[in-house]
C-alpha atoms as a PDB file:
ATOM      1  CA  MET A   1      88.711  89.738 106.579  1.00  0.00           C
ATOM      2  CA  GLY A   2      92.085  88.795 105.227  1.00  0.00           C
ATOM      3  CA  ASP A   3      94.688  87.217 107.486  1.00  0.00           C
ATOM      4  CA  ALA A   4      97.380  89.821 106.787  1.00  0.00           C
ATOM      5  CA  THR A   5      96.935  93.561 107.310  1.00  0.00           C
ATOM      6  CA  LEU A   6      98.636  95.669 104.648  1.00  0.00           C
ATOM      7  CA  ILE A   7      97.597  99.149 105.824  1.00  0.00           C
ATOM      8  CA  ARG A   8      96.890 100.081 109.429  1.00  0.00           C
ATOM      9  CA  LEU A   9      95.749 103.412 110.833  1.00  0.00           C
ATOM     10  CA  GLU A  10      96.254 103.652 114.589  1.00  0.00           C
ATOM     11  CA  ASP A  11      94.449 106.398 116.545  1.00  0.00           C
ATOM     12  CA  VAL A  12      94.924 108.892 113.696  1.00  0.00           C
ATOM     13  CA  HIS A  13      94.154 112.561 114.335  1.00  0.00           C
ATOM     14  CA  PHE A  14      94.201 115.075 111.491  1.00  0.00           C
ATOM     15  CA  GLY A  15      92.673 118.451 110.829  1.00  0.00           C
ATOM     16  CA  TYR A  16      92.865 121.663 108.827  1.00  0.00           C
ATOM     17  CA  ARG A  17      93.464 124.599 111.180  1.00  0.00           C
ATOM     18  CA  SER A  18      90.520 124.563 113.592  1.00  0.00           C
ATOM     19  CA  HIS A  19      88.566 121.884 111.675  1.00  0.00           C
ATOM     20  CA  ALA A  20      89.146 118.318 112.886  1.00  0.00           C
ATOM     21  CA  VAL A  21      88.769 115.720 110.127  1.00  0.00           C
ATOM     22  CA  PHE A  22      89.781 112.637 112.127  1.00  0.00           C
ATOM     23  CA  SER A  23      89.855 112.288 115.897  1.00  0.00           C
ATOM     24  CA  GLY A  24      91.206 108.861 116.746  1.00  0.00           C
ATOM     25  CA  LEU A  25      90.549 106.973 113.499  1.00  0.00           C
ATOM     26  CA  THR A  26      91.589 103.313 113.625  1.00  0.00           C
ATOM     27  CA  MET A  27      91.316 101.052 110.589  1.00  0.00           C
ATOM     28  CA  ASP A  28      92.879  97.875 109.159  1.00  0.00           C
ATOM     29  CA  ILE A  29      92.973  97.198 105.416  1.00  0.00           C
ATOM     30  CA  PRO A  30      93.716  93.548 104.606  1.00  0.00           C
ATOM     31  CA  GLU A  31      96.158  92.477 101.950  1.00  0.00           C
ATOM     32  CA  GLY A  32      94.868  91.131  98.651  1.00  0.00           C
ATOM     33  CA  GLU A  33      91.260  92.250  99.076  1.00  0.00           C
ATOM     34  CA  ILE A  34      89.001  95.025  97.797  1.00  0.00           C
ATOM     35  CA  THR A  35      88.100  97.449 100.565  1.00  0.00           C
ATOM     36  CA  ALA A  36      85.392 100.082 100.085  1.00  0.00           C
ATOM     37  CA  ILE A  37      85.570 103.257 102.172  1.00  0.00           C
ATOM     38  CA  MET A  38      82.227 105.035 102.127  1.00  0.00           C
ATOM     39  CA  GLY A  39      80.513 107.920 103.837  1.00  0.00           C
ATOM     40  CA  PRO A  40      78.765 111.265 103.380  1.00  0.00           C
ATOM     41  CA  SER A  41      80.474 114.144 101.585  1.00  0.00           C
ATOM     42  CA  GLY A  42      82.975 115.987 103.739  1.00  0.00           C
ATOM     43  CA  THR A  43      83.674 113.067 106.055  1.00  0.00           C
ATOM     44  CA  GLY A  44      87.341 112.825 105.056  1.00  0.00           C
ATOM     45  CA  LYS A  45      87.457 109.958 102.569  1.00  0.00           C
ATOM     46  CA  THR A  46      89.804 111.678 100.118  1.00  0.00           C
ATOM     47  CA  THR A  47      91.886 112.980 103.043  1.00  0.00           C
ATOM     48  CA  LEU A  48      92.229 109.378 104.163  1.00  0.00           C
ATOM     49  CA  LEU A  49      93.723 108.472 100.778  1.00  0.00           C
ATOM     50  CA  GLU A  50      96.147 111.380 101.088  1.00  0.00           C
ATOM     51  CA  LEU A  51      97.266 110.075 104.478  1.00  0.00           C
ATOM     52  CA  VAL A  52      97.836 106.480 103.359  1.00  0.00           C
ATOM     53  CA  THR A  53      99.710 107.586 100.219  1.00  0.00           C
ATOM     54  CA  GLY A  54     101.965 109.910 102.209  1.00  0.00           C
ATOM     55  CA  GLN A  55     100.681 113.136 100.671  1.00  0.00           C
ATOM     56  CA  ARG A  56      99.776 114.349 104.153  1.00  0.00           C
ATOM     57  CA  LYS A  57     101.042 113.451 107.625  1.00  0.00           C
ATOM     58  CA  ALA A  58      98.838 112.663 110.584  1.00  0.00           C
ATOM     59  CA  ASP A  59      98.887 115.206 113.401  1.00  0.00           C
ATOM     60  CA  ARG A  60      98.836 112.325 115.876  1.00  0.00           C
ATOM     61  CA  GLY A  61      98.727 108.569 115.587  1.00  0.00           C
ATOM     62  CA  ARG A  62     100.363 106.363 113.002  1.00  0.00           C
ATOM     63  CA  VAL A  63      99.739 105.247 109.440  1.00  0.00           C
ATOM     64  CA  ARG A  64     101.570 102.011 108.711  1.00  0.00           C
ATOM     65  CA  ILE A  65     102.085 100.142 105.439  1.00  0.00           C
ATOM     66  CA  HIS A  66     103.922  96.824 105.489  1.00  0.00           C
ATOM     67  CA  ASP A  67     104.543  97.683 109.155  1.00  0.00           C
ATOM     68  CA  ARG A  68     106.432 100.841 108.094  1.00  0.00           C
ATOM     69  CA  ASP A  69     105.365 104.070 109.772  1.00  0.00           C
ATOM     70  CA  LEU A  70     104.837 106.651 106.997  1.00  0.00           C
ATOM     71  CA  GLY A  71     105.477 109.504 109.409  1.00  0.00           C
ATOM     72  CA  SER A  72     109.030 108.307 110.078  1.00  0.00           C
ATOM     73  CA  LEU A  73     110.084 107.696 106.459  1.00  0.00           C
ATOM     74  CA  SER A  74     112.571 109.952 104.728  1.00  0.00           C
ATOM     75  CA  ARG A  75     111.597 111.590 101.455  1.00  0.00           C
ATOM     76  CA  SER A  76     113.547 109.011  99.432  1.00  0.00           C
ATOM     77  CA  GLU A  77     112.017 106.119 101.407  1.00  0.00           C
ATOM     78  CA  LEU A  78     108.541 107.540 100.859  1.00  0.00           C
ATOM     79  CA  TYR A  79     109.178 107.853  97.120  1.00  0.00           C
ATOM     80  CA  ARG A  80     110.301 104.223  96.989  1.00  0.00           C
ATOM     81  CA  LEU A  81     107.146 103.175  98.819  1.00  0.00           C
ATOM     82  CA  ARG A  82     105.011 105.144  96.370  1.00  0.00           C
ATOM     83  CA  ARG A  83     106.460 103.026  93.587  1.00  0.00           C
ATOM     84  CA  GLU A  84     104.352 100.239  95.081  1.00  0.00           C
ATOM     85  CA  MET A  85     101.175 102.344  94.805  1.00  0.00           C
ATOM     86  CA  GLY A  86      98.814 103.145  91.977  1.00  0.00           C
ATOM     87  CA  LEU A  87      96.249 105.950  92.263  1.00  0.00           C
ATOM     88  CA  LEU A  88      93.245 106.548  90.042  1.00  0.00           C
ATOM     89  CA  PHE A  89      92.130 110.173  90.422  1.00  0.00           C
ATOM     90  CA  GLN A  90      88.481 111.239  90.229  1.00  0.00           C
ATOM     91  CA  ASP A  91      88.936 113.014  86.893  1.00  0.00           C
ATOM     92  CA  GLY A  92      91.610 110.688  85.509  1.00  0.00           C
ATOM     93  CA  ALA A  93      94.177 113.540  85.461  1.00  0.00           C
ATOM     94  CA  LEU A  94      95.416 112.672  81.965  1.00  0.00           C
ATOM     95  CA  PHE A  95      97.902 114.970  80.237  1.00  0.00           C
ATOM     96  CA  SER A  96      95.827 116.677  77.567  1.00  0.00           C
ATOM     97  CA  ASP A  97      98.740 117.299  75.198  1.00  0.00           C
ATOM     98  CA  LEU A  98      99.939 113.681  75.229  1.00  0.00           C
ATOM     99  CA  SER A  99      98.457 110.750  73.346  1.00  0.00           C
ATOM    100  CA  VAL A 100      96.908 107.797  75.148  1.00  0.00           C
ATOM    101  CA  TYR A 101     100.113 105.845  74.501  1.00  0.00           C
ATOM    102  CA  GLU A 102     102.349 108.573  75.944  1.00  0.00           C
ATOM    103  CA  ASN A 103     100.083 109.073  78.955  1.00  0.00           C
ATOM    104  CA  VAL A 104     100.510 105.428  79.881  1.00  0.00           C
ATOM    105  CA  ALA A 105     104.221 105.478  79.065  1.00  0.00           C
ATOM    106  CA  PHE A 106     104.856 108.568  81.210  1.00  0.00           C
ATOM    107  CA  PRO A 107     105.502 106.775  84.563  1.00  0.00           C
ATOM    108  CA  LEU A 108     107.863 104.339  82.850  1.00  0.00           C
ATOM    109  CA  ARG A 109     109.877 107.151  81.278  1.00  0.00           C
ATOM    110  CA  GLU A 110     109.985 109.074  84.569  1.00  0.00           C
ATOM    111  CA  HIS A 111     110.792 106.259  86.988  1.00  0.00           C
ATOM    112  CA  THR A 112     112.677 103.612  85.020  1.00  0.00           C
ATOM    113  CA  ARG A 113     115.525 103.282  82.542  1.00  0.00           C
ATOM    114  CA  LEU A 114     113.799 100.723  80.389  1.00  0.00           C
ATOM    115  CA  SER A 115     114.446 100.620  76.655  1.00  0.00           C
ATOM    116  CA  ASN A 116     111.881 102.085  74.272  1.00  0.00           C
ATOM    117  CA  THR A 117     111.133  98.583  73.028  1.00  0.00           C
ATOM    118  CA  LEU A 118     110.299  97.303  76.501  1.00  0.00           C
ATOM    119  CA  ILE A 119     108.258 100.435  77.267  1.00  0.00           C
ATOM    120  CA  HIS A 120     106.348  99.844  74.042  1.00  0.00           C
ATOM    121  CA  HIS A 121     105.527  96.282  75.041  1.00  0.00           C
ATOM    122  CA  LEU A 122     104.446  97.247  78.557  1.00  0.00           C
ATOM    123  CA  VAL A 123     102.233 100.121  77.395  1.00  0.00           C
ATOM    124  CA  LEU A 124     100.441  97.947  74.856  1.00  0.00           C
ATOM    125  CA  MET A 125      99.972  95.208  77.458  1.00  0.00           C
ATOM    126  CA  LYS A 126      98.346  97.618  79.913  1.00  0.00           C
ATOM    127  CA  LEU A 127      96.153  99.179  77.242  1.00  0.00           C
ATOM    128  CA  GLU A 128      95.104  95.699  76.152  1.00  0.00           C
ATOM    129  CA  ALA A 129      94.202  94.912  79.773  1.00  0.00           C
ATOM    130  CA  VAL A 130      91.702  97.802  79.827  1.00  0.00           C
ATOM    131  CA  GLY A 131      90.473  97.130  76.280  1.00  0.00           C
ATOM    132  CA  LEU A 132      91.945 100.281  74.674  1.00  0.00           C
ATOM    133  CA  ARG A 133      95.004  99.154  72.736  1.00  0.00           C
ATOM    134  CA  GLY A 134      93.259 100.374  69.588  1.00  0.00           C
ATOM    135  CA  ALA A 135      92.995 103.886  71.057  1.00  0.00           C
ATOM    136  CA  ALA A 136      96.747 104.305  71.648  1.00  0.00           C
ATOM    137  CA  SER A 137      97.117 107.162  69.142  1.00  0.00           C
ATOM    138  CA  LEU A 138      94.118 109.164  70.372  1.00  0.00           C
ATOM    139  CA  HIS A 139      94.311 112.196  72.656  1.00  0.00           C
ATOM    140  CA  PRO A 140      92.247 112.708  75.843  1.00  0.00           C
ATOM    141  CA  SER A 141      89.947 115.188  74.069  1.00  0.00           C
ATOM    142  CA  GLU A 142      88.908 112.369  71.723  1.00  0.00           C
ATOM    143  CA  LEU A 143      87.893 109.998  74.532  1.00  0.00           C
ATOM    144  CA  SER A 144      84.599 109.508  76.301  1.00  0.00           C
ATOM    145  CA  GLY A 145      84.554 109.840  80.090  1.00  0.00           C
ATOM    146  CA  GLY A 146      84.624 106.090  80.553  1.00  0.00           C
ATOM    147  CA  MET A 147      87.492 105.629  78.099  1.00  0.00           C
ATOM    148  CA  ALA A 148      89.517 108.366  79.793  1.00  0.00           C
ATOM    149  CA  ARG A 149      89.029 106.639  83.146  1.00  0.00           C
ATOM    150  CA  ARG A 150      90.241 103.362  81.654  1.00  0.00           C
ATOM    151  CA  VAL A 151      93.344 105.021  80.183  1.00  0.00           C
ATOM    152  CA  ALA A 152      94.067 106.534  83.583  1.00  0.00           C
ATOM    153  CA  LEU A 153      93.682 103.073  85.094  1.00  0.00           C
ATOM    154  CA  ALA A 154      96.155 101.622  82.593  1.00  0.00           C
ATOM    155  CA  ARG A 155      98.636 104.366  83.518  1.00  0.00           C
ATOM    156  CA  SER A 156      98.176 103.722  87.235  1.00  0.00           C
ATOM    157  CA  ILE A 157      99.067 100.011  86.888  1.00  0.00           C
ATOM    158  CA  VAL A 158     101.891 100.336  84.374  1.00  0.00           C
ATOM    159  CA  LEU A 159     104.521 100.107  87.148  1.00  0.00           C
ATOM    160  CA  ASP A 160     102.831  96.957  88.529  1.00  0.00           C
ATOM    161  CA  PRO A 161     101.889  98.370  91.950  1.00  0.00           C
ATOM    162  CA  LEU A 162     101.212  96.199  94.975  1.00  0.00           C
ATOM    163  CA  MET A 163      98.263  98.359  96.014  1.00  0.00           C
ATOM    164  CA  MET A 164      95.699 100.414  94.094  1.00  0.00           C
ATOM    165  CA  PHE A 165      93.769 103.394  95.405  1.00  0.00           C
ATOM    166  CA  TYR A 166      90.612 104.570  93.633  1.00  0.00           C
ATOM    167  CA  ASP A 167      89.220 108.021  94.429  1.00  0.00           C
ATOM    168  CA  GLU A 168      85.544 108.043  93.359  1.00  0.00           C
ATOM    169  CA  PRO A 169      86.215 105.908  90.236  1.00  0.00           C
ATOM    170  CA  LEU A 170      82.568 105.904  89.083  1.00  0.00           C
ATOM    171  CA  VAL A 171      81.770 109.624  89.257  1.00  0.00           C
ATOM    172  CA  GLY A 172      80.162 110.930  86.063  1.00  0.00           C
ATOM    173  CA  LEU A 173      80.051 107.579  84.279  1.00  0.00           C
ATOM    174  CA  ASP A 174      77.057 106.040  82.536  1.00  0.00           C
ATOM    175  CA  PRO A 175      75.885 102.567  83.663  1.00  0.00           C
ATOM    176  CA  ILE A 176      77.850 100.760  80.933  1.00  0.00           C
ATOM    177  CA  ALA A 177      81.084 102.587  81.750  1.00  0.00           C
ATOM    178  CA  MET A 178      80.478 101.932  85.461  1.00  0.00           C
ATOM    179  CA  GLY A 179      80.136  98.230  84.791  1.00  0.00           C
ATOM    180  CA  ILE A 180      83.368  98.194  82.791  1.00  0.00           C
ATOM    181  CA  ILE A 181      85.352  99.988  85.509  1.00  0.00           C
ATOM    182  CA  LEU A 182      83.978  97.703  88.231  1.00  0.00           C
ATOM    183  CA  ARG A 183      84.837  94.617  86.189  1.00  0.00           C
ATOM    184  CA  LEU A 184      88.358  95.950  85.598  1.00  0.00           C
ATOM    185  CA  ILE A 185      88.886  96.618  89.310  1.00  0.00           C
ATOM    186  CA  VAL A 186      87.965  93.022  90.135  1.00  0.00           C
ATOM    187  CA  HIS A 187      89.962  91.586  87.233  1.00  0.00           C
ATOM    188  CA  LEU A 188      93.104  93.556  88.087  1.00  0.00           C
ATOM    189  CA  ASN A 189      92.829  92.747  91.776  1.00  0.00           C
ATOM    190  CA  GLN A 190      92.615  89.034  91.017  1.00  0.00           C
ATOM    191  CA  THR A 191      95.115  88.734  88.168  1.00  0.00           C
ATOM    192  CA  LEU A 192      97.762  91.039  89.654  1.00  0.00           C
ATOM    193  CA  GLY A 193      97.246  89.900  93.235  1.00  0.00           C
ATOM    194  CA  ILE A 194      97.069  93.472  94.497  1.00  0.00           C
ATOM    195  CA  THR A 195      95.239  95.219  97.327  1.00  0.00           C
ATOM    196  CA  SER A 196      92.527  97.657  96.262  1.00  0.00           C
ATOM    197  CA  VAL A 197      91.041 100.535  98.264  1.00  0.00           C
ATOM    198  CA  ILE A 198      88.014 102.325  96.802  1.00  0.00           C
ATOM    199  CA  VAL A 199      86.761 105.645  98.158  1.00  0.00           C
ATOM    200  CA  THR A 200      83.229 106.124  96.896  1.00  0.00           C
ATOM    201  CA  HIS A 201      79.680 107.419  97.212  1.00  0.00           C
ATOM    202  CA  ASP A 202      78.385 104.726  94.845  1.00  0.00           C
ATOM    203  CA  VAL A 203      77.440 102.333  97.604  1.00  0.00           C
ATOM    204  CA  LYS A 204      75.224  99.835  95.794  1.00  0.00           C
ATOM    205  CA  GLU A 205      77.585  99.410  92.848  1.00  0.00           C
ATOM    206  CA  VAL A 206      80.838  99.131  94.788  1.00  0.00           C
ATOM    207  CA  LEU A 207      79.460  96.804  97.464  1.00  0.00           C
ATOM    208  CA  LYS A 208      78.769  94.304  94.663  1.00  0.00           C
ATOM    209  CA  ILE A 209      82.527  93.816  94.222  1.00  0.00           C
ATOM    210  CA  ALA A 210      84.012  94.751  97.618  1.00  0.00           C
ATOM    211  CA  ASP A 211      85.231  92.089 100.011  1.00  0.00           C
ATOM    212  CA  HIS A 212      84.420  94.368 102.909  1.00  0.00           C
ATOM    213  CA  GLY A 213      83.759  98.008 103.669  1.00  0.00           C
ATOM    214  CA  TYR A 214      84.006 100.839 106.150  1.00  0.00           C
ATOM    215  CA  ILE A 215      81.446 103.600 106.624  1.00  0.00           C
ATOM    216  CA  LEU A 216      82.827 106.870 107.973  1.00  0.00           C
ATOM    217  CA  SER A 217      80.924 109.775 109.474  1.00  0.00           C
ATOM    218  CA  GLU A 218      82.094 112.772 111.467  1.00  0.00           C
ATOM    219  CA  GLY A 219      85.693 111.573 111.274  1.00  0.00           C
ATOM    220  CA  ARG A 220      85.170 108.126 112.732  1.00  0.00           C
ATOM    221  CA  VAL A 221      84.293 104.592 111.680  1.00  0.00           C
ATOM    222  CA  VAL A 222      80.591 104.028 112.330  1.00  0.00           C
ATOM    223  CA  ALA A 223      80.447 100.568 110.743  1.00  0.00           C
ATOM    224  CA  ARG A 224      82.660  97.948 109.160  1.00  0.00           C
ATOM    225  CA  GLY A 225      82.125  94.480 107.748  1.00  0.00           C
ATOM    226  CA  ARG A 226      81.414  92.449 104.667  1.00  0.00           C
ATOM    227  CA  PRO A 227      78.740  93.808 102.305  1.00  0.00           C
ATOM    228  CA  SER A 228      76.172  91.277 103.572  1.00  0.00           C
ATOM    229  CA  GLU A 229      76.843  92.358 107.159  1.00  0.00           C
ATOM    230  CA  LEU A 230      76.487  96.047 106.340  1.00  0.00           C
ATOM    231  CA  ALA A 231      73.264  95.399 104.416  1.00  0.00           C
ATOM    232  CA  GLN A 232      71.725  93.717 107.456  1.00  0.00           C
ATOM    233  CA  SER A 233      72.837  96.377 109.938  1.00  0.00           C
ATOM    234  CA  ARG A 234      70.120  98.237 111.845  1.00  0.00           C
ATOM    235  CA  ASP A 235      72.508 100.967 112.986  1.00  0.00           C
ATOM    236  CA  PRO A 236      70.852 104.336 112.140  1.00  0.00           C
ATOM    237  CA  TRP A 237      74.063 105.754 110.625  1.00  0.00           C
ATOM    238  CA  VAL A 238      74.413 102.755 108.335  1.00  0.00           C
ATOM    239  CA  ARG A 239      70.758 102.670 107.375  1.00  0.00           C
ATOM    240  CA  GLN A 240      70.643 106.380 106.520  1.00  0.00           C
ATOM    241  CA  PHE A 241      73.687 106.115 104.299  1.00  0.00           C
ATOM    242  CA  LEU A 242      72.838 102.845 102.560  1.00  0.00           C
ATOM    243  CA  ASP A 243      69.177 103.797 102.066  1.00  0.00           C
ATOM    244  CA  GLY A 244      69.919 107.380 101.011  1.00  0.00           C
ATOM    245  CA  SER A 245      67.573 108.865 103.617  1.00  0.00           C
ATOM    246  CA  PRO A 246      67.602 112.695 103.593  1.00  0.00           C
ATOM    247  CA  ASP A 247      67.403 112.986 107.376  1.00  0.00           C
ATOM    248  CA  GLY A 248      68.754 110.973 110.281  1.00  0.00           C
ATOM    249  CA  PRO A 249      71.998 111.030 112.272  1.00  0.00           C
ATOM    250  CA  VAL A 250      73.316 113.227 109.442  1.00  0.00           C
ATOM    251  CA  PRO A 251      70.703 116.027 109.662  1.00  0.00           C
ATOM    252  CA  PHE A 252      68.993 117.665 106.706  1.00  0.00           C
ATOM    253  CA  ASN A 253      69.126 121.114 108.341  1.00  0.00           C
ATOM    254  CA  TYR A 254      72.377 122.934 108.959  1.00  0.00           C
ATOM    255  CA  PRO A 255      72.551 124.042 112.630  1.00  0.00           C
ATOM    256  CA  ALA A 256      70.727 127.363 113.123  1.00  0.00           C
ATOM    257  CA  ARG A 257      69.020 129.320 115.853  1.00  0.00           C
ATOM    258  CA  ASP A 258      65.240 129.214 116.335  1.00  0.00           C
ATOM    259  CA  PHE A 259      63.391 129.869 113.056  1.00  0.00           C
ATOM    260  CA  ALA A 260      60.891 132.305 114.613  1.00  0.00           C
ATOM    261  CA  GLN A 261      63.744 134.226 116.202  1.00  0.00           C
ATOM    262  CA  ASP A 262      65.357 134.628 112.793  1.00  0.00           C
ATOM    263  CA  LEU A 263      62.072 135.613 111.122  1.00  0.00           C
ATOM    264  CA  PHE A 264      61.223 138.385 113.535  1.00  0.00           C
ATOM    265  CA  SER A 265      64.684 139.674 114.394  1.00  0.00           C
ATOM    266  CA  ALA A 266      65.481 143.262 113.430  1.00  0.00           C
ATOM    267  CA  GLY A 267      68.415 142.391 111.209  1.00  0.00           C
ATOM    268  CA  VAL A 268      69.106 139.723 108.584  1.00  0.00           C
ATOM    269  CA  ALA A 269      71.805 137.188 109.404  1.00  0.00           C
ATOM    270  CA  THR A 270      74.747 137.227 107.007  1.00  0.00           C
END
């Protein structure tokens, strides 16, 4: 683990109406490293990103970044903090009516007063970093899935964030595109000196590049450690998730009453 903690979640509770997502979640994300947050579908991984980026507030507990409590920040303070963040959405979220160049330029035009010349230089630099400077004039409809994800990555780093958040960055990509995105994550983390947090189901691929990882289930941390430590774990939660076993602590069957009782009951459950 890194010496300095950039993001800290302290006894975080959060839920939607009667459904509890987190009940006392505690987690430290070290500065300057790549942290993978993994777990079954519906365990709150994307919600966790929303909490640490200030899109949602914890019901109880604290989310701290640079020792600043997000729950106590004013709207303007939160916006300033978000300037330090980059977020890569699952689908890239590119503007379909804008060119690749204008998609990447958009945050600069919205959040800075830089000259067009300087914006031009910065956009081309970021596109060069993801290998797509030659695609600057194309539109999202002309891009493959992997190219669109790389354009979205260029846009997310154009303001030189201190931390990057990736929400399922490998979903829907072929093996070559996956390899490119993974290489870019490592390259950007090293060259820009940023902190990267990856929410993912792609365990085997992401653990190749992560410095350490967390596995969540039922709203809590069931395991944490470096990839080698997680791979050697005999914990049944960890083994089921890493091995892709269909049954285990996360059951195959949704809770139901006795099968025979259902078969021979007078009515059909709805």
